């Protein structure tokens, strides 16, 4: 995997809505939610005694429901578990767009899923949610060309570390930064952790915007009402888009005339600022707000 910064993101993944794979009603609602990605869950969202039912429900839903423009992903049970091989065998013929691999702690776990899906080369997203996963993030990121994103799972990580989750999130700050930096180093998207307080949408908005500022491309969601807040938070505003567009345009003019660094509105403009503007426009383009 190249470490070059991409000129555009592969697709918009601002909100990834997780939905229990054994609940047809919730899956139908998720399919119509407008989320960038719908993750049909066979893992933590399903009780142990409902796992096989969930496989059948997910496979049927993928074939019968219209998900619109939403990316259709399946979260399987962890690599190495008894359920994992059957999860892929039961769903791959239903043609999901990709798989979310949970509790990833090594490159080999990603490569195992890549081998099992080699005849239908789908997108792979790795969920980093343990201390070992965080310290192995670089190896995981470099594991397979089809890996497109690293997902940061703070809730499981806190349990693994013995940390106490707080609203401020100081206990997760280092790991949260490590995941987004590693993703950027390998030209992958980084997706931020879930926000578990369903009644506090304003705090969700603040957390999502903070994640966007850090460089995260999106955030996981656990209820449809979180989707508009998250997707808005990761979508550049019209003002931001226009400012970035103008900056890139002026830069191109200076480059054409042989000038490098220049001043705009009393501030010195150099390449890092141009690259940031280009990335913002890429996000806006992926979200359908800029051509």
Protein backbone atom coordinates (compact mmCIF):
# COMPACT_ATOMS: atom_id res chain seq x y z
CA UNK A 1 0.00 0.00 0.00
CA UNK A 2 1.43 3.33 -1.04
CA UNK A 3 2.03 5.93 1.64
CA UNK A 4 1.30 8.78 -0.78
CA UNK A 5 -1.55 11.09 0.13
CA UNK A 6 -4.47 10.35 -2.19
CA UNK A 7 -5.87 13.12 -4.34
CA UNK A 8 -9.38 11.98 -3.47
CA UNK A 9 -10.98 9.61 -1.03
CA UNK A 10 -12.26 6.30 -2.48
CA UNK A 11 -15.81 6.98 -1.35
CA UNK A 12 -17.69 8.96 1.26
CA UNK A 13 -17.82 7.10 4.59
CA UNK A 14 -18.99 9.86 6.90
CA UNK A 15 -21.49 7.71 8.83
CA UNK A 16 -21.33 3.93 9.20
CA UNK A 17 -24.63 2.75 10.68
CA UNK A 18 -24.41 -0.59 12.49
CA UNK A 19 -27.61 -2.65 12.62
CA UNK A 20 -28.25 -6.07 14.23
CA UNK A 21 -28.19 -8.72 11.53
CA UNK A 22 -31.05 -10.73 13.04
CA UNK A 23 -33.65 -7.92 12.92
CA UNK A 24 -35.32 -7.53 9.49
CA UNK A 25 -37.29 -4.47 10.59
CA UNK A 26 -34.18 -2.59 11.72
CA UNK A 27 -32.28 -3.63 8.61
CA UNK A 28 -35.06 -2.29 6.38
CA UNK A 29 -35.02 0.98 8.31
CA UNK A 30 -31.23 1.20 7.99
CA UNK A 31 -31.41 0.53 4.25
CA UNK A 32 -33.65 3.59 3.87
CA UNK A 33 -31.69 5.77 6.32
CA UNK A 34 -29.44 7.53 3.84
CA UNK A 35 -26.30 6.56 5.75
CA UNK A 36 -23.16 6.50 3.63
CA UNK A 37 -22.59 2.93 4.84
CA UNK A 38 -24.88 0.34 6.44
CA UNK A 39 -23.08 -2.35 8.42
CA UNK A 40 -25.14 -5.52 8.83
CA UNK A 41 -23.80 -6.94 12.06
CA UNK A 42 -23.20 -10.62 12.73
CA UNK A 43 -20.94 -9.99 15.73
CA UNK A 44 -21.56 -8.02 18.94
CA UNK A 45 -25.00 -6.78 17.91
CA UNK A 46 -26.40 -10.33 17.80
CA UNK A 47 -27.05 -12.65 20.76
CA UNK A 48 -25.09 -15.92 20.75
CA UNK A 49 -28.20 -18.00 20.11
CA UNK A 50 -29.25 -15.86 17.12
CA UNK A 51 -26.04 -15.97 15.08
CA UNK A 52 -27.22 -18.50 12.49
CA UNK A 53 -30.56 -16.71 12.11
CA UNK A 54 -28.62 -13.47 11.56
CA UNK A 55 -26.66 -15.01 8.70
CA UNK A 56 -29.85 -15.96 6.89
CA UNK A 57 -31.44 -12.58 7.58
CA UNK A 58 -28.42 -10.65 6.35
CA UNK A 59 -28.12 -12.71 3.18
CA UNK A 60 -31.82 -12.31 2.43
CA UNK A 61 -31.78 -8.57 3.16
CA UNK A 62 -28.80 -7.95 0.88
CA UNK A 63 -30.67 -9.60 -1.98
CA UNK A 64 -34.15 -8.20 -1.38
CA UNK A 65 -33.74 -4.65 -0.06
CA UNK A 66 -32.87 -1.47 -1.93
CA UNK A 67 -30.05 0.23 -0.02
CA UNK A 68 -29.98 3.17 -2.39
CA UNK A 69 -26.55 4.79 -2.52
CA UNK A 70 -25.48 3.31 0.82
CA UNK A 71 -22.46 1.03 0.88
CA UNK A 72 -23.52 -2.44 2.11
CA UNK A 73 -21.04 -3.92 4.57
CA UNK A 74 -21.16 -7.04 6.75
CA UNK A 75 -19.40 -7.23 10.10
CA UNK A 76 -18.40 -10.86 10.56
CA UNK A 77 -17.35 -12.58 13.76
CA UNK A 78 -13.62 -12.39 14.57
CA UNK A 79 -11.05 -14.27 12.53
CA UNK A 80 -10.18 -17.43 14.42
CA UNK A 81 -13.64 -17.85 15.94
CA UNK A 82 -15.75 -20.88 15.09
CA UNK A 83 -18.36 -18.68 13.43
CA UNK A 84 -16.07 -16.66 11.18
CA UNK A 85 -15.72 -18.95 8.11
CA UNK A 86 -19.46 -19.60 7.95
CA UNK A 87 -20.25 -15.88 8.17
CA UNK A 88 -18.44 -15.25 4.90
CA UNK A 89 -19.70 -18.42 3.21
CA UNK A 90 -23.30 -17.52 4.08
CA UNK A 91 -23.17 -13.90 2.89
CA UNK A 92 -20.68 -13.56 0.05
CA UNK A 93 -23.09 -14.84 -2.60
CA UNK A 94 -25.51 -12.05 -1.60
CA UNK A 95 -22.92 -9.57 -2.91
CA UNK A 96 -22.17 -7.14 -0.09
CA UNK A 97 -19.84 -4.28 -0.97
CA UNK A 98 -17.35 -5.32 1.68
CA UNK A 99 -16.61 -6.73 5.10
CA UNK A 100 -15.83 -5.14 8.45
CA UNK A 101 -13.32 -7.32 10.29
CA UNK A 102 -13.62 -6.92 14.08
CA UNK A 103 -11.01 -7.19 16.82
CA UNK A 104 -8.11 -7.10 14.39
CA UNK A 105 -4.75 -7.57 16.11
CA UNK A 106 -2.50 -8.72 13.25
CA UNK A 107 -1.94 -8.36 9.54
CA UNK A 108 -2.58 -12.06 9.09
CA UNK A 109 -6.19 -11.68 10.24
CA UNK A 110 -6.88 -9.21 7.43
CA UNK A 111 -5.09 -11.43 4.92
CA UNK A 112 -7.24 -14.37 6.04
CA UNK A 113 -10.41 -12.48 5.13
CA UNK A 114 -8.79 -11.36 1.87
CA UNK A 115 -8.11 -15.01 0.98
CA UNK A 116 -11.66 -16.06 1.79
CA UNK A 117 -13.07 -13.30 -0.43
CA UNK A 118 -10.50 -13.47 -3.23
CA UNK A 119 -13.02 -14.56 -5.86
CA UNK A 120 -15.16 -11.50 -5.11
CA UNK A 121 -12.64 -8.75 -4.37
CA UNK A 122 -14.59 -6.61 -1.92
CA UNK A 123 -13.55 -3.71 0.31
CA UNK A 124 -12.12 -4.62 3.69
CA UNK A 125 -12.31 -2.42 6.80
CA UNK A 126 -10.38 -3.33 9.96
CA UNK A 127 -11.79 -2.54 13.39
CA UNK A 128 -9.01 -1.70 15.87
CA UNK A 129 -10.41 -2.21 19.37
CA UNK A 130 -7.71 -3.70 21.59
CA UNK A 131 -4.36 -2.62 22.96
CA UNK A 132 -2.59 -5.16 20.75
CA UNK A 133 -4.52 -3.89 17.74
CA UNK A 134 -3.40 -0.32 18.38
CA UNK A 135 0.30 -1.21 18.70
CA UNK A 136 0.06 -3.39 15.57
CA UNK A 137 -1.85 -0.75 13.58
CA UNK A 138 0.93 -0.11 11.06
CA UNK A 139 1.31 -3.80 10.21
CA UNK A 140 -2.46 -4.10 9.90
CA UNK A 141 -2.63 -1.03 7.65
CA UNK A 142 -0.03 -2.53 5.31
CA UNK A 143 -1.62 -5.99 5.28
CA UNK A 144 -3.59 -6.09 2.02
CA UNK A 145 -4.27 -3.76 -0.95
CA UNK A 146 -8.04 -4.16 -0.47
CA UNK A 147 -7.97 -2.71 3.03
CA UNK A 148 -9.58 0.72 2.76
CA UNK A 149 -10.12 1.91 6.32
CA UNK A 150 -9.15 1.56 9.97
CA UNK A 151 -12.05 1.84 12.43
CA UNK A 152 -11.33 2.95 16.00
CA UNK A 153 -13.32 1.06 18.65
CA UNK A 154 -12.88 2.96 21.90
CA UNK A 155 -15.45 1.07 23.98
CA UNK A 156 -13.82 -2.35 23.59
CA UNK A 157 -10.37 -0.80 23.85
CA UNK A 158 -11.23 0.76 27.20
CA UNK A 159 -12.33 -2.62 28.50
CA UNK A 160 -9.16 -4.25 27.21
CA UNK A 161 -7.01 -1.59 28.87
CA UNK A 162 -8.95 -1.47 32.11
CA UNK A 163 -9.59 2.22 31.45
CA UNK A 164 -12.68 4.15 32.54
CA UNK A 165 -14.56 5.78 29.68
CA UNK A 166 -15.26 9.47 30.16
CA UNK A 167 -17.18 12.00 28.09
CA UNK A 168 -13.98 14.02 27.57
CA UNK A 169 -12.15 10.94 26.26
CA UNK A 170 -8.69 11.77 27.62
CA UNK A 171 -8.13 8.07 28.34
CA UNK A 172 -8.48 7.34 24.61
CA UNK A 173 -6.59 10.35 23.25
CA UNK A 174 -3.30 8.61 22.45
CA UNK A 175 -4.92 5.58 20.80
CA UNK A 176 -7.39 7.74 18.89
CA UNK A 177 -4.51 9.77 17.51
CA UNK A 178 -2.45 6.68 16.74
CA UNK A 179 -5.19 5.18 14.59
CA UNK A 180 -5.81 8.29 12.51
CA UNK A 181 -2.08 8.94 12.01
CA UNK A 182 -1.47 5.34 10.97
CA UNK A 183 -4.38 5.43 8.54
CA UNK A 184 -3.04 8.60 6.95
CA UNK A 185 0.45 7.13 6.66
CA UNK A 186 -0.94 4.26 4.56
CA UNK A 187 -3.49 6.32 2.57
CA UNK A 188 -6.45 4.70 4.34
CA UNK A 189 -9.57 6.27 5.75
CA UNK A 190 -9.92 6.47 9.53
CA UNK A 191 -13.39 6.04 11.05
CA UNK A 192 -14.00 7.25 14.61
CA UNK A 193 -15.65 5.34 17.44
CA UNK A 194 -19.35 5.16 18.30
CA UNK A 195 -21.09 7.70 20.54
CA UNK A 196 -23.25 5.73 22.95
CA UNK A 197 -25.51 8.44 24.44
CA UNK A 198 -28.41 8.39 22.00
CA UNK A 199 -30.15 11.32 23.67
CA UNK A 200 -27.29 13.82 23.44
CA UNK A 201 -27.01 14.80 19.81
CA UNK A 202 -25.24 18.07 20.56
CA UNK A 203 -22.37 16.28 22.29
CA UNK A 204 -22.30 13.86 19.38
CA UNK A 205 -21.93 16.83 17.04
CA UNK A 206 -19.01 18.21 19.05
CA UNK A 207 -17.26 14.83 19.16
CA UNK A 208 -17.79 14.25 15.43
CA UNK A 209 -16.43 17.68 14.55
CA UNK A 210 -13.42 17.11 16.77
CA UNK A 211 -12.77 13.80 14.99
CA UNK A 212 -13.06 15.53 11.62
CA UNK A 213 -10.55 18.13 12.76
CA UNK A 214 -8.14 15.31 13.69
CA UNK A 215 -8.36 13.88 10.16
CA UNK A 216 -10.99 11.18 10.61
CA UNK A 217 -13.14 10.60 7.53
CA UNK A 218 -16.27 9.52 9.41
CA UNK A 219 -17.78 8.03 12.52
CA UNK A 220 -19.63 4.86 13.43
CA UNK A 221 -23.33 5.22 14.31
CA UNK A 222 -25.63 2.99 16.34
CA UNK A 223 -28.99 4.67 15.66
CA UNK A 224 -30.50 6.27 12.52
CA UNK A 225 -31.08 9.58 14.31
CA UNK A 226 -27.31 9.99 14.64
CA UNK A 227 -26.77 9.90 10.89
CA UNK A 228 -27.70 13.49 9.91
CA UNK A 229 -25.59 14.91 12.74
CA UNK A 230 -22.57 12.83 11.84
CA UNK A 231 -22.78 13.33 8.08
CA UNK A 232 -23.21 17.08 8.47
CA UNK A 233 -20.21 17.21 10.82
CA UNK A 234 -17.96 15.51 8.27
CA UNK A 235 -19.22 17.54 5.29
CA UNK A 236 -17.39 20.80 4.52
CA UNK A 237 -19.57 23.89 4.61
CA UNK A 238 -20.20 26.00 1.51
CA UNK A 239 -17.92 28.67 2.98
CA UNK A 240 -15.11 26.19 3.60
CA UNK A 241 -15.47 24.78 0.08
CA UNK A 242 -15.33 28.20 -1.55
CA UNK A 243 -12.31 29.24 0.50
CA UNK A 244 -10.47 26.03 -0.39
CA UNK A 245 -11.42 26.29 -4.06
CA UNK A 246 -10.14 29.87 -4.24
CA UNK A 247 -6.92 28.95 -2.48
CA UNK A 248 -6.21 26.09 -4.90
CA UNK A 249 -7.06 28.28 -7.88
CA UNK A 250 -4.78 31.11 -6.77
CA UNK A 251 -2.01 28.64 -6.01
CA UNK A 252 -2.28 27.21 -9.53
CA UNK A 253 -1.92 30.70 -10.97
CA UNK A 254 1.19 31.41 -8.91
CA UNK A 255 2.68 28.06 -9.91
CA UNK A 256 2.07 28.85 -13.56
CA UNK A 257 3.98 32.11 -13.17
CA UNK A 258 6.86 30.43 -11.37
CA UNK A 259 6.01 31.56 -7.84
CA UNK A 260 5.92 29.20 -4.87
CA UNK A 261 4.99 30.71 -1.52
CA UNK A 262 2.57 33.66 -1.65
CA UNK A 263 0.48 35.80 0.69
CA UNK A 264 -3.33 35.81 0.85
CA UNK A 265 -5.42 37.92 3.22
CA UNK A 266 -2.29 38.82 5.15
CA UNK A 267 -1.23 35.19 5.67
CA UNK A 268 1.62 33.28 4.11
CA UNK A 269 0.41 30.34 2.01
CA UNK A 270 2.65 27.35 1.37
CA UNK A 271 2.28 23.74 0.25
CA UNK A 272 0.84 22.25 3.50
CA UNK A 273 -2.06 24.71 3.32
CA UNK A 274 -2.68 23.87 -0.32
CA UNK A 275 -2.65 20.15 0.43
CA UNK A 276 -5.18 20.69 3.24
CA UNK A 277 -7.41 22.64 0.85
CA UNK A 278 -7.16 19.86 -1.74
CA UNK A 279 -8.13 17.24 0.82
CA UNK A 280 -11.12 19.33 1.92
CA UNK A 281 -12.28 19.57 -1.69
CA UNK A 282 -11.84 15.81 -2.05
CA UNK A 283 -14.10 15.27 0.96
CA UNK A 284 -16.65 17.69 -0.46
CA UNK A 285 -16.52 15.92 -3.82
CA UNK A 286 -17.04 12.52 -2.21
CA UNK A 287 -20.03 13.91 -0.34
CA UNK A 288 -21.53 15.26 -3.57
CA UNK A 289 -21.08 18.92 -2.71
CA UNK A 290 -18.31 19.83 -5.16
CA UNK A 291 -17.55 18.85 -8.75
